[in-house]
PDB file of N, CA and C in Angstrom:
ATOM      1  N   MET A   1      -2.455   1.704  11.311  1.00  0.00           N
ATOM      2  CA  MET A   1      -3.435   0.858  11.970  1.00  0.00           C
ATOM      3  C   MET A   1      -2.668  -0.205  12.753  1.00  0.00           C
ATOM      4  N   THR A   2      -2.984  -0.311  14.008  1.00  0.00           N
ATOM      5  CA  THR A   2      -2.333  -1.319  14.852  1.00  0.00           C
ATOM      6  C   THR A   2      -3.030  -2.673  14.670  1.00  0.00           C
ATOM      7  N   ALA A   3      -2.381  -3.713  15.178  1.00  0.00           N
ATOM      8  CA  ALA A   3      -2.977  -5.056  15.107  1.00  0.00           C
ATOM      9  C   ALA A   3      -4.340  -5.091  15.809  1.00  0.00           C
ATOM     10  N   PRO A   4      -4.478  -4.512  17.020  1.00  0.00           N
ATOM     11  CA  PRO A   4      -5.801  -4.509  17.643  1.00  0.00           C
ATOM     12  C   PRO A   4      -6.847  -3.728  16.823  1.00  0.00           C
ATOM     13  N   ASP A   5      -6.424  -2.628  16.227  1.00  0.00           N
ATOM     14  CA  ASP A   5      -7.331  -1.863  15.363  1.00  0.00           C
ATOM     15  C   ASP A   5      -7.756  -2.703  14.158  1.00  0.00           C
ATOM     16  N   PHE A   6      -6.809  -3.410  13.577  1.00  0.00           N
ATOM     17  CA  PHE A   6      -7.098  -4.272  12.436  1.00  0.00           C
ATOM     18  C   PHE A   6      -8.126  -5.334  12.825  1.00  0.00           C
ATOM     19  N   ARG A   7      -7.887  -6.005  13.944  1.00  0.00           N
ATOM     20  CA  ARG A   7      -8.818  -7.048  14.399  1.00  0.00           C
ATOM     21  C   ARG A   7     -10.200  -6.475  14.655  1.00  0.00           C
ATOM     22  N   ALA A   8     -10.263  -5.320  15.304  1.00  0.00           N
ATOM     23  CA  ALA A   8     -11.550  -4.700  15.615  1.00  0.00           C
ATOM     24  C   ALA A   8     -12.287  -4.287  14.344  1.00  0.00           C
ATOM     25  N   THR A   9     -11.568  -3.736  13.398  1.00  0.00           N
ATOM     26  CA  THR A   9     -12.187  -3.307  12.140  1.00  0.00           C
ATOM     27  C   THR A   9     -12.705  -4.504  11.363  1.00  0.00           C
ATOM     28  N   MET A  10     -11.903  -5.544  11.296  1.00  0.00           N
ATOM     29  CA  MET A  10     -12.332  -6.760  10.591  1.00  0.00           C
ATOM     30  C   MET A  10     -13.584  -7.336  11.248  1.00  0.00           C
ATOM     31  N   ALA A  11     -13.604  -7.375  12.563  1.00  0.00           N
ATOM     32  CA  ALA A  11     -14.763  -7.906  13.289  1.00  0.00           C
ATOM     33  C   ALA A  11     -15.991  -7.040  13.042  1.00  0.00           C
ATOM     34  N   ALA A  12     -15.827  -5.728  13.103  1.00  0.00           N
ATOM     35  CA  ALA A  12     -16.945  -4.821  12.896  1.00  0.00           C
ATOM     36  C   ALA A  12     -17.523  -4.950  11.488  1.00  0.00           C
ATOM     37  N   LEU A  13     -16.646  -5.211  10.526  1.00  0.00           N
ATOM     38  CA  LEU A  13     -17.088  -5.351   9.141  1.00  0.00           C
ATOM     39  C   LEU A  13     -17.575  -6.760   8.823  1.00  0.00           C
ATOM     40  N   GLY A  14     -17.279  -7.700   9.718  1.00  0.00           N
ATOM     41  CA  GLY A  14     -17.684  -9.080   9.483  1.00  0.00           C
ATOM     42  C   GLY A  14     -16.892  -9.755   8.376  1.00  0.00           C
ATOM     43  N   ILE A  15     -15.631  -9.359   8.227  1.00  0.00           N
ATOM     44  CA  ILE A  15     -14.770  -9.930   7.188  1.00  0.00           C
ATOM     45  C   ILE A  15     -13.777 -10.880   7.845  1.00  0.00           C
ATOM     46  N   SER A  16     -13.725 -12.090   7.354  1.00  0.00           N
ATOM     47  CA  SER A  16     -12.741 -13.044   7.883  1.00  0.00           C
ATOM     48  C   SER A  16     -11.375 -12.755   7.262  1.00  0.00           C
ATOM     49  N   GLN A  17     -10.346 -13.211   7.950  1.00  0.00           N
ATOM     50  CA  GLN A  17      -8.998 -13.058   7.418  1.00  0.00           C
ATOM     51  C   GLN A  17      -8.866 -13.804   6.098  1.00  0.00           C
ATOM     52  N   ALA A  18      -9.453 -14.984   6.018  1.00  0.00           N
ATOM     53  CA  ALA A  18      -9.377 -15.778   4.784  1.00  0.00           C
ATOM     54  C   ALA A  18     -10.028 -15.032   3.615  1.00  0.00           C
ATOM     55  N   ARG A  19     -11.176 -14.416   3.875  1.00  0.00           N
ATOM     56  CA  ARG A  19     -11.855 -13.682   2.805  1.00  0.00           C
ATOM     57  C   ARG A  19     -11.045 -12.481   2.360  1.00  0.00           C
ATOM     58  N   LEU A  20     -10.466 -11.746   3.308  1.00  0.00           N
ATOM     59  CA  LEU A  20      -9.639 -10.596   2.941  1.00  0.00           C
ATOM     60  C   LEU A  20      -8.445 -11.048   2.111  1.00  0.00           C
ATOM     61  N   ASN A  21      -7.811 -12.134   2.522  1.00  0.00           N
ATOM     62  CA  ASN A  21      -6.684 -12.663   1.747  1.00  0.00           C
ATOM     63  C   ASN A  21      -7.109 -12.985   0.320  1.00  0.00           C
ATOM     64  N   ARG A  22      -8.266 -13.625   0.158  1.00  0.00           N
ATOM     65  CA  ARG A  22      -8.752 -13.979  -1.191  1.00  0.00           C
ATOM     66  C   ARG A  22      -9.060 -12.729  -2.008  1.00  0.00           C
ATOM     67  N   LEU A  23      -9.795 -11.791  -1.403  1.00  0.00           N
ATOM     68  CA  LEU A  23     -10.197 -10.590  -2.133  1.00  0.00           C
ATOM     69  C   LEU A  23      -9.013  -9.756  -2.587  1.00  0.00           C
ATOM     70  N   LEU A  24      -7.992  -9.680  -1.740  1.00  0.00           N
ATOM     71  CA  LEU A  24      -6.818  -8.867  -2.074  1.00  0.00           C
ATOM     72  C   LEU A  24      -5.704  -9.672  -2.729  1.00  0.00           C
ATOM     73  N   LYS A  25      -5.997 -10.971  -2.968  1.00  0.00           N
ATOM     74  CA  LYS A  25      -5.034 -11.868  -3.622  1.00  0.00           C
ATOM     75  C   LYS A  25      -3.706 -11.926  -2.857  1.00  0.00           C
ATOM     76  N   LEU A  26      -3.848 -12.142  -1.538  1.00  0.00           N
ATOM     77  CA  LEU A  26      -2.699 -12.198  -0.640  1.00  0.00           C
ATOM     78  C   LEU A  26      -2.370 -13.642  -0.295  1.00  0.00           C
ATOM     79  N   ASP A  27      -1.182 -13.858   0.225  1.00  0.00           N
ATOM     80  CA  ASP A  27      -0.806 -15.147   0.779  1.00  0.00           C
ATOM     81  C   ASP A  27      -1.800 -15.506   1.874  1.00  0.00           C
ATOM     82  N   LYS A  28      -2.066 -16.788   2.050  1.00  0.00           N
ATOM     83  CA  LYS A  28      -3.102 -17.212   2.989  1.00  0.00           C
ATOM     84  C   LYS A  28      -2.819 -16.833   4.439  1.00  0.00           C
ATOM     85  N   ASN A  29      -1.600 -16.451   4.769  1.00  0.00           N
ATOM     86  CA  ASN A  29      -1.248 -16.093   6.143  1.00  0.00           C
ATOM     87  C   ASN A  29      -1.050 -14.593   6.366  1.00  0.00           C
ATOM     88  N   THR A  30      -1.198 -13.803   5.331  1.00  0.00           N
ATOM     89  CA  THR A  30      -0.892 -12.375   5.438  1.00  0.00           C
ATOM     90  C   THR A  30      -1.764 -11.660   6.464  1.00  0.00           C
ATOM     91  N   ALA A  31      -3.074 -11.804   6.372  1.00  0.00           N
ATOM     92  CA  ALA A  31      -3.960 -11.107   7.315  1.00  0.00           C
ATOM     93  C   ALA A  31      -3.707 -11.571   8.743  1.00  0.00           C
ATOM     94  N   ASN A  32      -3.338 -12.827   8.909  1.00  0.00           N
ATOM     95  CA  ASN A  32      -3.021 -13.329  10.250  1.00  0.00           C
ATOM     96  C   ASN A  32      -1.797 -12.620  10.808  1.00  0.00           C
ATOM     97  N   ARG A  33      -0.798 -12.386   9.978  1.00  0.00           N
ATOM     98  CA  ARG A  33       0.408 -11.679  10.433  1.00  0.00           C
ATOM     99  C   ARG A  33       0.070 -10.246  10.840  1.00  0.00           C
ATOM    100  N   TRP A  34      -0.840  -9.610  10.096  1.00  0.00           N
ATOM    101  CA  TRP A  34      -1.275  -8.258  10.468  1.00  0.00           C
ATOM    102  C   TRP A  34      -2.054  -8.294  11.771  1.00  0.00           C
ATOM    103  N   SER A  35      -2.914  -9.292  11.899  1.00  0.00           N
ATOM    104  CA  SER A  35      -3.779  -9.418  13.072  1.00  0.00           C
ATOM    105  C   SER A  35      -2.997  -9.646  14.360  1.00  0.00           C
ATOM    106  N   THR A  36      -1.904 -10.383  14.252  1.00  0.00           N
ATOM    107  CA  THR A  36      -1.101 -10.700  15.429  1.00  0.00           C
ATOM    108  C   THR A  36       0.021  -9.701  15.671  1.00  0.00           C
ATOM    109  N   GLY A  37       0.218  -8.776  14.752  1.00  0.00           N
ATOM    110  CA  GLY A  37       1.286  -7.798  14.905  1.00  0.00           C
ATOM    111  C   GLY A  37       2.636  -8.286  14.430  1.00  0.00           C
ATOM    112  N   LEU A  38       2.674  -9.462  13.789  1.00  0.00           N
ATOM    113  CA  LEU A  38       3.948  -9.956  13.264  1.00  0.00           C
ATOM    114  C   LEU A  38       4.423  -9.149  12.062  1.00  0.00           C
ATOM    115  N   ALA A  39       3.485  -8.482  11.409  1.00  0.00           N
ATOM    116  CA  ALA A  39       3.816  -7.601  10.291  1.00  0.00           C
ATOM    117  C   ALA A  39       2.900  -6.380  10.396  1.00  0.00           C
ATOM    118  N   PRO A  40       3.398  -5.216  10.015  1.00  0.00           N
ATOM    119  CA  PRO A  40       2.542  -4.020  10.079  1.00  0.00           C
ATOM    120  C   PRO A  40       1.457  -4.068   9.012  1.00  0.00           C
ATOM    121  N   VAL A  41       0.313  -3.493   9.328  1.00  0.00           N
ATOM    122  CA  VAL A  41      -0.768  -3.374   8.349  1.00  0.00           C
ATOM    123  C   VAL A  41      -0.373  -2.257   7.377  1.00  0.00           C
ATOM    124  N   PRO A  42      -0.282  -2.575   6.091  1.00  0.00           N
ATOM    125  CA  PRO A  42       0.079  -1.521   5.127  1.00  0.00           C
ATOM    126  C   PRO A  42      -0.946  -0.386   5.141  1.00  0.00           C
ATOM    127  N   GLN A  43      -0.464   0.812   4.910  1.00  0.00           N
ATOM    128  CA  GLN A  43      -1.344   1.980   4.922  1.00  0.00           C
ATOM    129  C   GLN A  43      -2.465   1.847   3.903  1.00  0.00           C
ATOM    130  N   ALA A  44      -2.174   1.255   2.753  1.00  0.00           N
ATOM    131  CA  ALA A  44      -3.207   1.096   1.723  1.00  0.00           C
ATOM    132  C   ALA A  44      -4.328   0.184   2.215  1.00  0.00           C
ATOM    133  N   VAL A  45      -3.987  -0.860   2.948  1.00  0.00           N
ATOM    134  CA  VAL A  45      -4.998  -1.775   3.483  1.00  0.00           C
ATOM    135  C   VAL A  45      -5.798  -1.081   4.573  1.00  0.00           C
ATOM    136  N   ALA A  46      -5.129  -0.330   5.427  1.00  0.00           N
ATOM    137  CA  ALA A  46      -5.823   0.415   6.474  1.00  0.00           C
ATOM    138  C   ALA A  46      -6.803   1.407   5.848  1.00  0.00           C
ATOM    139  N   LEU A  47      -6.377   2.079   4.798  1.00  0.00           N
ATOM    140  CA  LEU A  47      -7.255   3.027   4.101  1.00  0.00           C
ATOM    141  C   LEU A  47      -8.433   2.298   3.478  1.00  0.00           C
ATOM    142  N   LEU A  48      -8.180   1.173   2.840  1.00  0.00           N
ATOM    143  CA  LEU A  48      -9.252   0.407   2.217  1.00  0.00           C
ATOM    144  C   LEU A  48     -10.285  -0.039   3.243  1.00  0.00           C
ATOM    145  N   LEU A  49      -9.833  -0.560   4.371  1.00  0.00           N
ATOM    146  CA  LEU A  49     -10.764  -0.990   5.419  1.00  0.00           C
ATOM    147  C   LEU A  49     -11.561   0.189   5.971  1.00  0.00           C
ATOM    148  N   THR A  50     -10.914   1.340   6.088  1.00  0.00           N
ATOM    149  CA  THR A  50     -11.609   2.545   6.543  1.00  0.00           C
ATOM    150  C   THR A  50     -12.676   2.954   5.536  1.00  0.00           C
ATOM    151  N   LEU A  51     -12.362   2.888   4.258  1.00  0.00           N
ATOM    152  CA  LEU A  51     -13.329   3.243   3.223  1.00  0.00           C
ATOM    153  C   LEU A  51     -14.507   2.275   3.209  1.00  0.00           C
ATOM    154  N   ILE A  52     -14.239   1.007   3.461  1.00  0.00           N
ATOM    155  CA  ILE A  52     -15.333   0.030   3.556  1.00  0.00           C
ATOM    156  C   ILE A  52     -16.202   0.366   4.757  1.00  0.00           C
ATOM    157  N   ALA A  53     -15.571   0.669   5.885  1.00  0.00           N
ATOM    158  CA  ALA A  53     -16.321   0.997   7.099  1.00  0.00           C
ATOM    159  C   ALA A  53     -17.189   2.243   6.895  1.00  0.00           C
ATOM    160  N   LEU A  54     -16.709   3.168   6.095  1.00  0.00           N
ATOM    161  CA  LEU A  54     -17.458   4.398   5.826  1.00  0.00           C
ATOM    162  C   LEU A  54     -18.503   4.228   4.725  1.00  0.00           C
ATOM    163  N   GLY A  55     -18.515   3.077   4.089  1.00  0.00           N
ATOM    164  CA  GLY A  55     -19.470   2.821   3.022  1.00  0.00           C
ATOM    165  C   GLY A  55     -19.077   3.386   1.673  1.00  0.00           C
ATOM    166  N   ARG A  56     -17.830   3.817   1.542  1.00  0.00           N
ATOM    167  CA  ARG A  56     -17.359   4.383   0.277  1.00  0.00           C
ATOM    168  C   ARG A  56     -16.947   3.301  -0.720  1.00  0.00           C
ATOM    169  N   VAL A  57     -16.566   2.146  -0.200  1.00  0.00           N
ATOM    170  CA  VAL A  57     -16.186   0.977  -0.998  1.00  0.00           C
ATOM    171  C   VAL A  57     -16.987  -0.190  -0.441  1.00  0.00           C
ATOM    172  N   THR A  58     -17.477  -1.045  -1.337  1.00  0.00           N
ATOM    173  CA  THR A  58     -18.238  -2.206  -0.882  1.00  0.00           C
ATOM    174  C   THR A  58     -17.437  -3.479  -1.107  1.00  0.00           C
ATOM    175  N   MET A  59     -17.883  -4.529  -0.455  1.00  0.00           N
ATOM    176  CA  MET A  59     -17.246  -5.828  -0.665  1.00  0.00           C
ATOM    177  C   MET A  59     -17.435  -6.249  -2.129  1.00  0.00           C
ATOM    178  N   ALA A  60     -18.564  -5.897  -2.719  1.00  0.00           N
ATOM    179  CA  ALA A  60     -18.807  -6.205  -4.136  1.00  0.00           C
ATOM    180  C   ALA A  60     -17.772  -5.501  -5.019  1.00  0.00           C
ATOM    181  N   ASP A  61     -17.397  -4.278  -4.638  1.00  0.00           N
ATOM    182  CA  ASP A  61     -16.361  -3.569  -5.389  1.00  0.00           C
ATOM    183  C   ASP A  61     -15.077  -4.386  -5.404  1.00  0.00           C
ATOM    184  N   LEU A  62     -14.705  -4.922  -4.250  1.00  0.00           N
ATOM    185  CA  LEU A  62     -13.474  -5.706  -4.164  1.00  0.00           C
ATOM    186  C   LEU A  62     -13.597  -6.999  -4.963  1.00  0.00           C
ATOM    187  N   GLU A  63     -14.756  -7.634  -4.881  1.00  0.00           N
ATOM    188  CA  GLU A  63     -14.951  -8.893  -5.592  1.00  0.00           C
ATOM    189  C   GLU A  63     -14.905  -8.700  -7.095  1.00  0.00           C
ATOM    190  N   ASN A  64     -15.230  -7.502  -7.562  1.00  0.00           N
ATOM    191  CA  ASN A  64     -15.239  -7.226  -8.987  1.00  0.00           C
ATOM    192  C   ASN A  64     -13.893  -6.762  -9.535  1.00  0.00           C
ATOM    193  N   LEU A  65     -12.896  -6.683  -8.698  1.00  0.00           N
ATOM    194  CA  LEU A  65     -11.569  -6.259  -9.175  1.00  0.00           C
ATOM    195  C   LEU A  65     -10.936  -7.320 -10.044  1.00  0.00           C
TER     196      LEU A  65
END
């Protein structure tokens, strides 16, 4: 997943970078680094966002981890 793909997916899902960082227990700047292309989006995160977009995983699922 490229940085533009990441930004578009996050926007389509209505998930803020801050919320994703909290849900995945990431450093507060991690999603920003992915969004700007300073760091690659890990494949596991790309898969997770795809599963959310497909309705296979919900935000409630993540909150309950």
